């Protein structure tokens, strides 16, 4: 099937419905965004792997897999981030909401982590990871968006993200004495 033969309106709607179901019906806007990102990745062959027609002969199956990956990446990032959540966001997470004291401690740890991490990255001269820190602080969390914003190639962004996450986890361990916050 050639891309010209695809009814993109229909494909987008079908993919949005699938994403909405995967998000457990929480946000139609997020589902639309995920569907559009998956379709955009299909055409961004410089940054993303091309569609393997032998492995996924059905284009929808391939795009649905991309959506699953985007959702998984978003959840992993949320678990890695140590940012404070609004009260209504806690309802979306498994388990119970933290007490006010716990939430305050989490926010203080997050602020301290960002402050120290920024200083360490500047001292080490890791400008790519420092630019990622700025992206994360501004809410830019997707690698493709970070590449666009910083002007760095996607491969360089992915490598910087790995260093960034390692450094963040190492710093959180140091700040909490090796215990999970």
Protein backbone atom coordinates (compact mmCIF):
# COMPACT_ATOMS: atom_id res chain seq x y z
CA UNK A 1 0.00 0.00 0.00
CA UNK A 2 1.38 3.40 -0.97
CA UNK A 3 0.90 6.36 1.33
CA UNK A 4 -1.06 8.09 -1.44
CA UNK A 5 -3.68 5.32 -1.23
CA UNK A 6 -4.34 5.85 2.48
CA UNK A 7 -7.43 7.74 3.60
CA UNK A 8 -5.58 9.78 6.22
CA UNK A 9 -8.75 11.25 7.71
CA UNK A 10 -10.08 7.77 8.37
CA UNK A 11 -6.70 6.50 9.56
CA UNK A 12 -6.30 9.44 11.93
CA UNK A 13 -9.77 8.94 13.41
CA UNK A 14 -9.23 5.19 13.84
CA UNK A 15 -5.83 5.75 15.44
CA UNK A 16 -7.23 8.44 17.75
CA UNK A 17 -9.94 6.02 18.88
CA UNK A 18 -7.30 3.37 19.60
CA UNK A 19 -5.14 5.88 21.51
CA UNK A 20 -8.17 7.04 23.49
CA UNK A 21 -8.89 3.47 24.49
CA UNK A 22 -5.22 2.92 25.47
CA UNK A 23 -5.43 6.07 27.61
CA UNK A 24 -8.49 4.53 29.28
CA UNK A 25 -10.71 7.29 27.96
CA UNK A 26 -9.01 10.02 29.99
CA UNK A 27 -8.27 12.63 27.32
CA UNK A 28 -9.49 12.90 23.76
CA UNK A 29 -7.01 15.73 23.10
CA UNK A 30 -4.07 13.58 24.23
CA UNK A 31 -5.34 10.73 22.06
CA UNK A 32 -5.51 13.05 19.03
CA UNK A 33 -2.02 14.32 19.78
CA UNK A 34 -0.61 10.79 20.05
CA UNK A 35 -2.26 9.76 16.78
CA UNK A 36 -0.84 12.77 14.97
CA UNK A 37 2.63 12.19 16.44
CA UNK A 38 2.56 8.58 15.25
CA UNK A 39 1.59 9.66 11.74
CA UNK A 40 4.24 12.40 11.75
CA UNK A 41 6.90 9.85 12.75
CA UNK A 42 5.92 7.76 9.74
CA UNK A 43 7.02 10.60 7.46
CA UNK A 44 10.07 11.66 9.50
CA UNK A 45 12.40 9.00 8.13
CA UNK A 46 15.50 10.95 9.16
CA UNK A 47 14.65 10.66 12.87
CA UNK A 48 12.60 7.48 13.19
CA UNK A 49 12.80 3.92 11.90
CA UNK A 50 10.89 3.39 8.70
CA UNK A 51 7.77 1.27 8.49
CA UNK A 52 8.76 -2.38 8.00
CA UNK A 53 5.98 -3.62 5.72
CA UNK A 54 7.03 -7.24 6.11
CA UNK A 55 6.90 -7.10 9.89
CA UNK A 56 3.68 -5.03 9.99
CA UNK A 57 1.82 -5.41 6.68
CA UNK A 58 -1.13 -3.45 8.08
CA UNK A 59 -0.22 0.25 8.36
CA UNK A 60 -2.71 0.72 11.21
CA UNK A 61 -0.99 -2.01 13.24
CA UNK A 62 2.34 -0.26 12.76
CA UNK A 63 0.92 3.13 13.78
CA UNK A 64 -0.88 1.62 16.78
CA UNK A 65 2.47 0.18 17.88
CA UNK A 66 4.01 3.64 17.61
CA UNK A 67 1.19 5.03 19.78
CA UNK A 68 1.82 2.31 22.38
CA UNK A 69 5.50 3.27 22.36
CA UNK A 70 4.69 6.97 22.79
CA UNK A 71 2.43 6.20 25.73
CA UNK A 72 5.08 3.96 27.27
CA UNK A 73 7.74 6.66 26.83
CA UNK A 74 5.44 9.22 28.44
CA UNK A 75 4.82 6.95 31.44
CA UNK A 76 8.51 6.16 31.84
CA UNK A 77 9.35 9.83 31.71
CA UNK A 78 6.69 10.63 34.28
CA UNK A 79 8.10 7.99 36.61
CA UNK A 80 11.65 9.31 36.12
CA UNK A 81 10.70 12.91 36.65
CA UNK A 82 10.60 14.07 40.17
CA UNK A 83 8.14 16.89 39.74
CA UNK A 84 5.24 17.81 41.91
CA UNK A 85 1.80 16.90 40.65
CA UNK A 86 -1.41 18.85 41.01
CA UNK A 87 -4.06 17.28 43.25
CA UNK A 88 -6.18 16.20 40.27
CA UNK A 89 -3.16 14.53 38.62
CA UNK A 90 -2.62 12.31 41.67
CA UNK A 91 -6.02 10.75 40.99
CA UNK A 92 -4.67 9.42 37.68
CA UNK A 93 -1.77 7.59 39.32
CA UNK A 94 -2.06 4.18 40.96
CA UNK A 95 -2.00 4.18 44.74
CA UNK A 96 -2.99 6.94 47.11
CA UNK A 97 -2.25 10.63 46.98
CA UNK A 98 0.61 11.77 49.21
CA UNK A 99 0.08 13.74 52.36
CA UNK A 100 0.82 17.47 52.25
CA UNK A 101 4.12 16.84 54.03
CA UNK A 102 5.11 14.18 51.46
CA UNK A 103 4.17 16.43 48.55
CA UNK A 104 6.15 19.33 50.03
CA UNK A 105 9.16 17.07 50.50
CA UNK A 106 8.88 15.85 46.90
CA UNK A 107 8.74 19.42 45.57
CA UNK A 108 11.73 20.44 47.68
CA UNK A 109 13.70 17.40 46.50
CA UNK A 110 12.76 18.16 42.87
CA UNK A 111 13.83 21.80 43.16
CA UNK A 112 17.10 20.84 44.84
CA UNK A 113 17.73 18.14 42.21
CA UNK A 114 17.20 20.61 39.35
CA UNK A 115 19.42 23.22 40.99
CA UNK A 116 22.30 20.83 41.68
CA UNK A 117 21.96 18.98 38.38
CA UNK A 118 22.13 22.25 36.44
CA UNK A 119 25.27 23.30 38.32
CA UNK A 120 26.92 19.90 37.79
CA UNK A 121 26.08 19.84 34.07
CA UNK A 122 27.49 23.36 33.64
CA UNK A 123 30.65 22.37 35.54
CA UNK A 124 31.07 19.21 33.44
CA UNK A 125 30.45 21.09 30.21
CA UNK A 126 27.62 18.74 29.19
CA UNK A 127 25.80 21.40 27.18
CA UNK A 128 23.45 18.93 25.48
CA UNK A 129 22.15 17.56 28.80
CA UNK A 130 21.91 21.12 30.14
CA UNK A 131 19.75 22.06 27.15
CA UNK A 132 17.56 19.04 27.92
CA UNK A 133 17.16 20.23 31.50
CA UNK A 134 15.90 23.55 30.15
CA UNK A 135 13.51 21.71 27.81
CA UNK A 136 12.13 19.60 30.66
CA UNK A 137 11.70 22.67 32.85
CA UNK A 138 9.68 24.27 30.04
CA UNK A 139 7.53 21.14 29.64
CA UNK A 140 9.15 19.97 26.38
CA UNK A 141 9.41 16.23 27.02
CA UNK A 142 9.31 14.46 23.66
CA UNK A 143 12.69 13.75 22.03
CA UNK A 144 11.52 15.00 18.63
CA UNK A 145 10.34 18.29 20.14
CA UNK A 146 13.59 18.62 22.06
CA UNK A 147 15.57 18.06 18.85
CA UNK A 148 13.51 20.70 17.09
CA UNK A 149 13.85 23.18 19.92
CA UNK A 150 17.60 22.72 20.43
CA UNK A 151 18.56 22.16 16.80
CA UNK A 152 20.39 18.97 17.76
CA UNK A 153 20.06 15.73 15.76
CA UNK A 154 17.65 13.21 17.29
CA UNK A 155 20.47 10.69 17.89
CA UNK A 156 22.39 13.30 19.89
CA UNK A 157 19.23 14.10 21.88
CA UNK A 158 18.71 10.42 22.70
CA UNK A 159 22.30 10.05 23.90
CA UNK A 160 22.01 13.20 25.99
CA UNK A 161 18.74 11.93 27.47
CA UNK A 162 20.46 8.73 28.60
CA UNK A 163 23.21 10.73 30.31
CA UNK A 164 20.63 13.10 31.76
CA UNK A 165 18.50 10.31 33.26
CA UNK A 166 21.55 8.52 34.68
CA UNK A 167 22.78 11.74 36.29
CA UNK A 168 19.32 12.54 37.66
CA UNK A 169 18.92 9.10 39.26
CA UNK A 170 22.44 9.24 40.68
CA UNK A 171 21.79 12.67 42.15
CA UNK A 172 18.45 11.63 43.66
CA UNK A 173 20.19 8.67 45.31
CA UNK A 174 22.84 10.99 46.76
CA UNK A 175 20.24 13.44 48.02
CA UNK A 176 18.07 10.76 49.62
CA UNK A 177 20.93 8.74 51.08
CA UNK A 178 20.30 5.86 48.67
CA UNK A 179 16.61 5.56 49.51
CA UNK A 180 13.74 6.12 47.13
CA UNK A 181 12.11 9.50 47.74
